[in-house]
Structure formats: structure tokens, C-alpha cells
Amino acid sequence: AHSADAETIRVAIGTQDTTINTATGGLLIRELKLLDKYLPHDGKYKDVTYDIQWKNFTSGAPITNEQIAGKLDFGVMADFPGSFNGLAHIKAGRKSLFITV
């Protein structure tokens, strides 16, 4: 049971399920339910419900567009589109953190 102070945190993730070099960053995490396992569920997060939203794309550019628009929190893409992602965020006056796996 959740308390009256319960909070829902959206975690929206754009993936490229059909691009093999991005499978470890999206497809496997989703299918193995690793976010469910490793997101915090104690301390200040004990009453939090996570709304994990997965959205599949065929290329990196639409993922970048959705991130800039605030519709995605994470984007999984290959290195080349990832470079453009960083530049697009800079042009939009926003930050993008590049994480490699």
C-alpha cells in the first residue's frame, strides 16, 4: 500500500530494438526487467511508483527529437547518432549525458 505522499516518477526511454549495437542499452534491460530490479525502492523512494515507458525507434534522430521535446528521459543509440544528440542538446541550450555500455 502506498501512503498519501506516494509519488509516480516517469522514466521514458527511447530504444532501437532492431539495431544490434544498442541491444544491451535497451532491449536487454527491458526484457530482463533490470530497471525494476535496480531502481531504488527504499528510503525516500519507498512510496514511489515508477512509470517506465519504453518507445522503440528505427534510428537515433527521432530519439534525439523526443529528448529535446522533453518526451524521453533516456535515449539508446549508437555512437554516431549519439554525437549528433549531444550537439542537438547544446544547440537547444540543454544538457545531454553520454553513457557507454
N, C-alpha and C. Protein backbone atom coordinates (compact mmCIF):
# COMPACT_ATOMS: atom_id res chain seq x y z
N ALA A 1 0.84 -1.19 0.00
CA ALA A 1 0.00 0.00 0.00
C ALA A 1 0.88 1.23 0.00
N HIS A 2 0.45 2.22 -0.75
CA HIS A 2 1.20 3.47 -0.83
C HIS A 2 0.58 4.51 0.09
N SER A 3 1.41 5.37 0.64
CA SER A 3 0.92 6.43 1.52
C SER A 3 0.32 7.56 0.70
N ALA A 4 -0.26 8.53 1.40
CA ALA A 4 -0.82 9.70 0.73
C ALA A 4 0.26 10.51 0.04
N ASP A 5 1.51 10.33 0.48
CA ASP A 5 2.63 11.05 -0.11
C ASP A 5 3.23 10.32 -1.30
N ALA A 6 2.58 9.27 -1.77
CA ALA A 6 3.11 8.47 -2.87
C ALA A 6 3.34 9.35 -4.10
N GLU A 7 4.40 9.05 -4.79
CA GLU A 7 4.78 9.81 -5.97
C GLU A 7 5.01 8.84 -7.12
N THR A 8 4.65 9.28 -8.32
CA THR A 8 4.94 8.50 -9.51
C THR A 8 6.04 9.21 -10.29
N ILE A 9 7.09 8.48 -10.60
CA ILE A 9 8.21 9.03 -11.37
C ILE A 9 8.21 8.38 -12.74
N ARG A 10 8.08 9.21 -13.76
CA ARG A 10 8.13 8.71 -15.13
C ARG A 10 9.58 8.52 -15.54
N VAL A 11 9.86 7.39 -16.15
CA VAL A 11 11.16 7.13 -16.76
C VAL A 11 10.86 6.69 -18.19
N ALA A 12 11.04 7.62 -19.14
CA ALA A 12 10.73 7.34 -20.54
C ALA A 12 12.03 7.09 -21.30
N ILE A 13 12.07 5.96 -22.00
CA ILE A 13 13.30 5.51 -22.64
C ILE A 13 13.03 5.20 -24.10
N GLY A 14 13.81 5.82 -24.97
CA GLY A 14 13.75 5.53 -26.40
C GLY A 14 14.83 4.53 -26.77
N THR A 15 14.44 3.48 -27.48
CA THR A 15 15.39 2.43 -27.86
C THR A 15 15.36 2.21 -29.36
N GLN A 16 16.33 1.46 -29.83
CA GLN A 16 16.38 0.99 -31.21
C GLN A 16 16.50 -0.53 -31.12
N ASP A 17 15.39 -1.20 -30.96
CA ASP A 17 15.41 -2.65 -30.73
C ASP A 17 16.01 -3.44 -31.88
N THR A 18 15.94 -2.92 -33.09
CA THR A 18 16.45 -3.67 -34.24
C THR A 18 17.89 -3.33 -34.59
N THR A 19 18.54 -2.52 -33.80
CA THR A 19 19.94 -2.16 -34.02
C THR A 19 20.79 -2.92 -33.01
N ILE A 20 21.54 -3.90 -33.47
CA ILE A 20 22.23 -4.82 -32.58
C ILE A 20 23.20 -4.13 -31.62
N ASN A 21 23.89 -3.08 -32.06
CA ASN A 21 24.87 -2.46 -31.16
C ASN A 21 24.23 -1.61 -30.07
N THR A 22 22.90 -1.53 -30.03
CA THR A 22 22.24 -0.82 -28.93
C THR A 22 21.41 -1.77 -28.06
N ALA A 23 21.44 -3.06 -28.37
CA ALA A 23 20.60 -4.03 -27.65
C ALA A 23 20.88 -4.07 -26.16
N THR A 24 22.15 -3.93 -25.76
CA THR A 24 22.47 -4.01 -24.33
C THR A 24 21.95 -2.81 -23.56
N GLY A 25 21.74 -1.69 -24.22
CA GLY A 25 21.28 -0.50 -23.54
C GLY A 25 19.78 -0.36 -23.47
N GLY A 26 19.05 -1.15 -24.20
CA GLY A 26 17.60 -1.01 -24.21
C GLY A 26 16.88 -2.34 -24.12
N LEU A 27 16.95 -3.08 -25.19
CA LEU A 27 16.22 -4.34 -25.30
C LEU A 27 16.49 -5.30 -24.14
N LEU A 28 17.75 -5.53 -23.83
CA LEU A 28 18.08 -6.46 -22.74
C LEU A 28 17.65 -5.93 -21.38
N ILE A 29 17.85 -4.63 -21.16
CA ILE A 29 17.44 -4.03 -19.89
C ILE A 29 15.93 -4.18 -19.69
N ARG A 30 15.18 -3.95 -20.77
CA ARG A 30 13.72 -4.07 -20.68
C ARG A 30 13.30 -5.53 -20.47
N GLU A 31 13.81 -6.43 -21.31
CA GLU A 31 13.36 -7.82 -21.25
C GLU A 31 13.79 -8.54 -19.97
N LEU A 32 14.95 -8.17 -19.43
CA LEU A 32 15.41 -8.77 -18.17
C LEU A 32 14.88 -8.03 -16.94
N LYS A 33 14.09 -6.96 -17.18
CA LYS A 33 13.47 -6.16 -16.11
C LYS A 33 14.51 -5.62 -15.12
N LEU A 34 15.64 -5.17 -15.68
CA LEU A 34 16.72 -4.69 -14.83
C LEU A 34 16.39 -3.37 -14.14
N LEU A 35 15.59 -2.51 -14.77
CA LEU A 35 15.19 -1.27 -14.09
C LEU A 35 14.31 -1.59 -12.89
N ASP A 36 13.38 -2.52 -13.05
CA ASP A 36 12.54 -2.92 -11.92
C ASP A 36 13.40 -3.41 -10.76
N LYS A 37 14.46 -4.10 -11.10
CA LYS A 37 15.34 -4.68 -10.08
C LYS A 37 16.23 -3.63 -9.42
N TYR A 38 16.77 -2.68 -10.20
CA TYR A 38 17.80 -1.80 -9.68
C TYR A 38 17.38 -0.37 -9.35
N LEU A 39 16.20 0.06 -9.76
CA LEU A 39 15.74 1.38 -9.32
C LEU A 39 15.49 1.32 -7.82
N PRO A 40 15.77 2.40 -7.09
CA PRO A 40 15.61 2.36 -5.63
C PRO A 40 14.14 2.22 -5.22
N HIS A 41 13.93 1.41 -4.19
CA HIS A 41 12.58 1.19 -3.65
C HIS A 41 12.56 1.33 -2.13
N ASP A 42 13.62 1.95 -1.58
CA ASP A 42 13.67 2.13 -0.13
C ASP A 42 14.05 3.58 0.18
N GLY A 43 14.14 3.90 1.46
CA GLY A 43 14.47 5.27 1.85
C GLY A 43 13.45 6.25 1.31
N LYS A 44 13.92 7.34 0.71
CA LYS A 44 12.99 8.35 0.19
C LYS A 44 12.18 7.85 -1.01
N TYR A 45 12.53 6.69 -1.54
CA TYR A 45 11.81 6.11 -2.68
C TYR A 45 10.85 4.98 -2.28
N LYS A 46 10.65 4.78 -0.98
CA LYS A 46 9.83 3.65 -0.54
C LYS A 46 8.38 3.76 -0.99
N ASP A 47 7.86 4.96 -1.19
CA ASP A 47 6.48 5.14 -1.63
C ASP A 47 6.37 5.54 -3.10
N VAL A 48 7.47 5.43 -3.82
CA VAL A 48 7.49 5.83 -5.23
C VAL A 48 7.01 4.68 -6.12
N THR A 49 6.22 5.05 -7.10
CA THR A 49 5.84 4.12 -8.17
C THR A 49 6.54 4.62 -9.43
N TYR A 50 7.21 3.72 -10.12
CA TYR A 50 7.88 4.09 -11.36
C TYR A 50 6.98 3.77 -12.55
N ASP A 51 6.80 4.76 -13.40
CA ASP A 51 6.07 4.58 -14.65
C ASP A 51 7.13 4.48 -15.75
N ILE A 52 7.57 3.27 -16.04
CA ILE A 52 8.63 3.06 -17.03
C ILE A 52 7.98 2.91 -18.39
N GLN A 53 8.32 3.85 -19.29
CA GLN A 53 7.75 3.86 -20.63
C GLN A 53 8.85 3.57 -21.64
N TRP A 54 8.65 2.55 -22.44
CA TRP A 54 9.61 2.16 -23.48
C TRP A 54 9.01 2.53 -24.83
N LYS A 55 9.82 3.16 -25.68
CA LYS A 55 9.36 3.52 -27.02
C LYS A 55 10.45 3.12 -28.01
N ASN A 56 10.10 2.33 -29.00
CA ASN A 56 11.05 1.84 -29.98
C ASN A 56 11.12 2.76 -31.20
N PHE A 57 12.33 3.02 -31.67
CA PHE A 57 12.56 3.84 -32.86
C PHE A 57 13.45 3.08 -33.83
N THR A 58 13.41 3.48 -35.09
CA THR A 58 14.25 2.82 -36.09
C THR A 58 15.59 3.50 -36.29
N SER A 59 15.76 4.70 -35.73
CA SER A 59 17.04 5.41 -35.85
C SER A 59 17.20 6.36 -34.67
N GLY A 60 18.39 6.95 -34.57
CA GLY A 60 18.70 7.81 -33.45
C GLY A 60 18.10 9.20 -33.51
N ALA A 61 17.91 9.75 -34.72
CA ALA A 61 17.42 11.13 -34.86
C ALA A 61 16.07 11.35 -34.17
N PRO A 62 15.08 10.48 -34.36
CA PRO A 62 13.81 10.71 -33.67
C PRO A 62 13.92 10.61 -32.14
N ILE A 63 14.86 9.80 -31.68
CA ILE A 63 15.10 9.72 -30.23
C ILE A 63 15.58 11.07 -29.72
N THR A 64 16.54 11.66 -30.44
CA THR A 64 17.04 12.98 -30.07
C THR A 64 15.92 14.00 -30.05
N ASN A 65 15.08 14.00 -31.09
CA ASN A 65 13.96 14.96 -31.15
C ASN A 65 13.03 14.81 -29.94
N GLU A 66 12.74 13.58 -29.56
CA GLU A 66 11.86 13.33 -28.41
C GLU A 66 12.53 13.77 -27.10
N GLN A 67 13.85 13.60 -27.01
CA GLN A 67 14.56 14.05 -25.81
C GLN A 67 14.52 15.57 -25.71
N ILE A 68 14.81 16.25 -26.80
CA ILE A 68 14.80 17.72 -26.80
C ILE A 68 13.41 18.23 -26.42
N ALA A 69 12.37 17.53 -26.86
CA ALA A 69 10.98 17.93 -26.56
C ALA A 69 10.56 17.55 -25.15
N GLY A 70 11.45 16.88 -24.40
CA GLY A 70 11.12 16.50 -23.03
C GLY A 70 10.24 15.27 -22.92
N LYS A 71 10.11 14.51 -24.01
CA LYS A 71 9.25 13.33 -24.01
C LYS A 71 10.01 12.06 -23.64
N LEU A 72 11.34 12.11 -23.67
CA LEU A 72 12.17 10.96 -23.28
C LEU A 72 13.20 11.42 -22.26
N ASP A 73 13.46 10.58 -21.28
CA ASP A 73 14.50 10.86 -20.29
C ASP A 73 15.83 10.23 -20.69
N PHE A 74 15.76 9.11 -21.38
CA PHE A 74 16.95 8.40 -21.84
C PHE A 74 16.75 8.01 -23.30
N GLY A 75 17.84 8.03 -24.05
CA GLY A 75 17.81 7.57 -25.43
C GLY A 75 18.95 6.60 -25.66
N VAL A 76 18.64 5.46 -26.23
CA VAL A 76 19.64 4.45 -26.52
C VAL A 76 19.91 4.48 -28.01
N MET A 77 21.16 4.81 -28.36
CA MET A 77 21.52 4.90 -29.78
C MET A 77 23.00 4.60 -29.95
N ALA A 78 23.40 4.38 -31.17
CA ALA A 78 24.80 4.08 -31.47
C ALA A 78 25.65 5.34 -31.32
N ASP A 79 26.97 5.18 -31.45
CA ASP A 79 27.89 6.30 -31.20
C ASP A 79 27.71 7.47 -32.17
N PHE A 80 27.52 7.21 -33.44
CA PHE A 80 27.41 8.32 -34.40
C PHE A 80 26.17 9.17 -34.15
N PRO A 81 24.97 8.57 -34.05
CA PRO A 81 23.81 9.40 -33.71
C PRO A 81 23.93 10.03 -32.32
N GLY A 82 24.66 9.35 -31.44
CA GLY A 82 24.89 9.91 -30.11
C GLY A 82 25.65 11.22 -30.15
N SER A 83 26.59 11.33 -31.09
CA SER A 83 27.34 12.58 -31.25
C SER A 83 26.41 13.70 -31.67
N PHE A 84 25.52 13.41 -32.62
CA PHE A 84 24.55 14.41 -33.04
C PHE A 84 23.58 14.75 -31.92
N ASN A 85 23.28 13.78 -31.08
CA ASN A 85 22.41 14.01 -29.93
C ASN A 85 23.02 15.08 -29.03
N GLY A 86 24.31 14.95 -28.75
CA GLY A 86 25.00 15.93 -27.91
C GLY A 86 24.96 17.32 -28.51
N LEU A 87 25.22 17.41 -29.81
CA LEU A 87 25.19 18.71 -30.49
C LEU A 87 23.78 19.32 -30.48
N ALA A 88 22.77 18.49 -30.71
CA ALA A 88 21.39 18.99 -30.71
C ALA A 88 21.01 19.54 -29.34
N HIS A 89 21.45 18.88 -28.29
CA HIS A 89 21.17 19.37 -26.94
C HIS A 89 21.87 20.70 -26.68
N ILE A 90 23.11 20.81 -27.11
CA ILE A 90 23.85 22.08 -26.95
C ILE A 90 23.12 23.20 -27.68
N LYS A 91 22.71 22.95 -28.93
CA LYS A 91 22.00 23.97 -29.71
C LYS A 91 20.69 24.38 -29.04
N ALA A 92 20.05 23.44 -28.36
CA ALA A 92 18.78 23.72 -27.69
C ALA A 92 18.98 24.30 -26.29
N GLY A 93 20.25 24.47 -25.88
CA GLY A 93 20.52 25.01 -24.55
C GLY A 93 20.25 24.01 -23.44
N ARG A 94 20.33 22.73 -23.77
CA ARG A 94 20.06 21.68 -22.79
C ARG A 94 21.29 20.80 -22.62
N LYS A 95 21.27 19.96 -21.60
CA LYS A 95 22.37 19.05 -21.34
C LYS A 95 22.01 17.63 -21.78
N SER A 96 23.02 16.93 -22.27
CA SER A 96 22.88 15.52 -22.61
C SER A 96 24.09 14.80 -22.05
N LEU A 97 23.87 13.73 -21.35
CA LEU A 97 24.96 12.95 -20.77
C LEU A 97 25.13 11.68 -21.60
N PHE A 98 26.33 11.46 -22.11
CA PHE A 98 26.62 10.30 -22.95
C PHE A 98 27.16 9.19 -22.08
N ILE A 99 26.44 8.08 -22.03
CA ILE A 99 26.83 6.92 -21.23
C ILE A 99 27.10 5.76 -22.18
N THR A 100 28.24 5.11 -22.02
CA THR A 100 28.54 3.96 -22.89
C THR A 100 28.44 2.67 -22.11
N VAL A 101 28.06 1.61 -22.81
CA VAL A 101 28.00 0.28 -22.20
C VAL A 101 28.78 -0.70 -23.04
